[in-house]
C-alpha atoms as a PDB file:
ATOM      1  CA  MET A   1      31.582  28.181  15.219  1.00  0.00           C
ATOM      2  CA  SER A   2      34.640  26.753  17.455  1.00  0.00           C
ATOM      3  CA  SER A   3      37.249  24.481  16.782  1.00  0.00           C
ATOM      4  CA  CYS A   4      35.933  20.208  17.044  1.00  0.00           C
ATOM      5  CA  ALA A   5      38.146  17.654  19.213  1.00  0.00           C
ATOM      6  CA  THR A   6      41.530  16.773  17.182  1.00  0.00           C
ATOM      7  CA  GLN A   7      40.500  13.346  15.840  1.00  0.00           C
ATOM      8  CA  THR A   8      43.849  11.334  16.005  1.00  0.00           C
ATOM      9  CA  PHE A   9      44.308   7.803  13.427  1.00  0.00           C
ATOM     10  CA  SER A  10      46.751   5.305  13.673  1.00  0.00           C
ATOM     11  CA  GLY A  11      47.835   3.459  11.295  1.00  0.00           C
ATOM     12  CA  ILE A  12      48.419   5.614   8.401  1.00  0.00           C
ATOM     13  CA  THR A  13      51.057   4.803   6.153  1.00  0.00           C
ATOM     14  CA  PRO A  14      52.810   6.566   3.692  1.00  0.00           C
ATOM     15  CA  ALA A  15      50.323   5.498   0.909  1.00  0.00           C
ATOM     16  CA  ARG A  16      47.176   6.206   2.961  1.00  0.00           C
ATOM     17  CA  PHE A  17      47.938   9.496   3.760  1.00  0.00           C
ATOM     18  CA  GLN A  18      48.293  10.471  -0.141  1.00  0.00           C
ATOM     19  CA  CYS A  19      44.923   8.304  -0.997  1.00  0.00           C
ATOM     20  CA  LEU A  20      43.897  10.547   1.959  1.00  0.00           C
ATOM     21  CA  THR A  21      45.077  13.306   0.280  1.00  0.00           C
ATOM     22  CA  GLN A  22      43.974  12.559  -2.669  1.00  0.00           C
ATOM     23  CA  LYS A  23      40.333  11.874  -1.953  1.00  0.00           C
ATOM     24  CA  ALA A  24      39.334  15.028  -0.070  1.00  0.00           C
ATOM     25  CA  GLN A  25      40.275  16.628  -2.201  1.00  0.00           C
ATOM     26  CA  ALA A  26      38.538  15.487  -5.383  1.00  0.00           C
ATOM     27  CA  GLU A  27      35.744  14.459  -2.364  1.00  0.00           C
ATOM     28  CA  THR A  28      36.011  18.339  -0.257  1.00  0.00           C
ATOM     29  CA  GLY A  29      38.345  20.592  -2.596  1.00  0.00           C
ATOM     30  CA  ILE A  30      40.114  21.085  -0.065  1.00  0.00           C
ATOM     31  CA  LYS A  31      44.272  20.813  -0.525  1.00  0.00           C
ATOM     32  CA  ILE A  32      46.191  18.314   1.909  1.00  0.00           C
ATOM     33  CA  THR A  33      49.915  19.718   1.323  1.00  0.00           C
ATOM     34  CA  GLY A  34      53.001  18.594   3.398  1.00  0.00           C
ATOM     35  CA  ASN A  35      52.636  16.517   6.647  1.00  0.00           C
ATOM     36  CA  SER A  36      51.310  19.938   8.581  1.00  0.00           C
ATOM     37  CA  GLY A  37      49.297  23.007   7.358  1.00  0.00           C
ATOM     38  CA  GLU A  38      46.189  24.376   7.099  1.00  0.00           C
ATOM     39  CA  ALA A  39      43.123  25.100   4.744  1.00  0.00           C
ATOM     40  CA  SER A  40      40.586  26.152   3.570  1.00  0.00           C
ATOM     41  CA  LYS A  41      36.840  25.560   1.120  1.00  0.00           C
ATOM     42  CA  ASP A  42      33.162  27.730   2.323  1.00  0.00           C
ATOM     43  CA  GLY A  43      33.714  28.146   5.057  1.00  0.00           C
ATOM     44  CA  VAL A  44      35.524  25.137   6.556  1.00  0.00           C
ATOM     45  CA  LYS A  45      38.825  25.092   7.837  1.00  0.00           C
ATOM     46  CA  ILE A  46      41.196  21.818   8.609  1.00  0.00           C
ATOM     47  CA  ARG A  47      44.241  21.721  10.543  1.00  0.00           C
ATOM     48  CA  TRP A  48      46.369  18.366   9.864  1.00  0.00           C
ATOM     49  CA  LEU A  49      49.126  16.921  11.045  1.00  0.00           C
ATOM     50  CA  TYR A  50      50.824  13.754   9.756  1.00  0.00           C
ATOM     51  CA  ASP A  51      54.028  11.768  11.509  1.00  0.00           C
ATOM     52  CA  PRO A  52      54.769   9.111   8.862  1.00  0.00           C
ATOM     53  CA  ALA A  53      57.477   7.897  12.082  1.00  0.00           C
ATOM     54  CA  ALA A  54      54.298   6.367  13.747  1.00  0.00           C
ATOM     55  CA  GLN A  55      51.946   6.351  10.776  1.00  0.00           C
ATOM     56  CA  THR A  56      49.126   9.143  13.091  1.00  0.00           C
ATOM     57  CA  LEU A  57      47.711  11.518  11.406  1.00  0.00           C
ATOM     58  CA  GLU A  58      46.175  14.583  13.692  1.00  0.00           C
ATOM     59  CA  LEU A  59      42.650  16.064  11.739  1.00  0.00           C
ATOM     60  CA  GLN A  60      40.687  19.491  13.032  1.00  0.00           C
ATOM     61  CA  CYS A  61      38.328  21.424  11.461  1.00  0.00           C
ATOM     62  CA  THR A  62      39.567  24.514  13.046  1.00  0.00           C
ATOM     63  CA  LYS A  63      36.383  27.117  11.284  1.00  0.00           C
ATOM     64  CA  ALA A  64      32.798  26.420  10.169  1.00  0.00           C
ATOM     65  CA  PRO A  65      29.541  27.820   8.720  1.00  0.00           C
ATOM     66  CA  PHE A  66      26.762  27.881  12.438  1.00  0.00           C
ATOM     67  CA  PHE A  67      24.969  25.422  10.336  1.00  0.00           C
ATOM     68  CA  ILE A  68      27.342  22.980  10.165  1.00  0.00           C
ATOM     69  CA  SER A  69      27.699  21.298  13.267  1.00  0.00           C
ATOM     70  CA  CYS A  70      30.847  19.704  14.406  1.00  0.00           C
ATOM     71  CA  GLY A  71      29.428  15.868  15.107  1.00  0.00           C
ATOM     72  CA  LEU A  72      28.943  16.064  11.135  1.00  0.00           C
ATOM     73  CA  ILE A  73      32.529  17.624  10.208  1.00  0.00           C
ATOM     74  CA  ASN A  74      33.594  15.058  11.810  1.00  0.00           C
ATOM     75  CA  GLY A  75      31.955  11.996  10.385  1.00  0.00           C
ATOM     76  CA  LYS A  76      33.058  12.527   7.008  1.00  0.00           C
ATOM     77  CA  ILE A  77      36.442  13.217   8.418  1.00  0.00           C
ATOM     78  CA  HIS A  78      36.221   8.992   9.832  1.00  0.00           C
ATOM     79  CA  ASP A  79      34.423   8.559   6.884  1.00  0.00           C
ATOM     80  CA  LEU A  80      37.388   9.631   5.197  1.00  0.00           C
ATOM     81  CA  VAL A  81      40.013   7.884   6.957  1.00  0.00           C
ATOM     82  CA  ASP A  82      37.997   4.580   6.537  1.00  0.00           C
ATOM     83  CA  SER A  83      37.942   4.736   3.143  1.00  0.00           C
ATOM     84  CA  CYS A  84      41.387   4.786   1.882  1.00  0.00           C
ATOM     85  CA  PRO A  85      42.558   1.217   3.226  1.00  0.00           C
END
């Protein structure tokens, strides 16, 4: 599978970003450390870029097994972001 579309979220305060990183690790096993980077688990690779000054977060799935669609992955990312107030 090629990369999924980059998703950009606004209003991501440092506290909200911390919530997201904790939930991502707890729910998916993907450890997000630092304001930018890549991490992978079970064939799914995620790239992120967090700008605390602008309070924006870009998330993109850059690799996944053929049987996992971008729609499913992007939906899970949205659910995760929505779960942190």
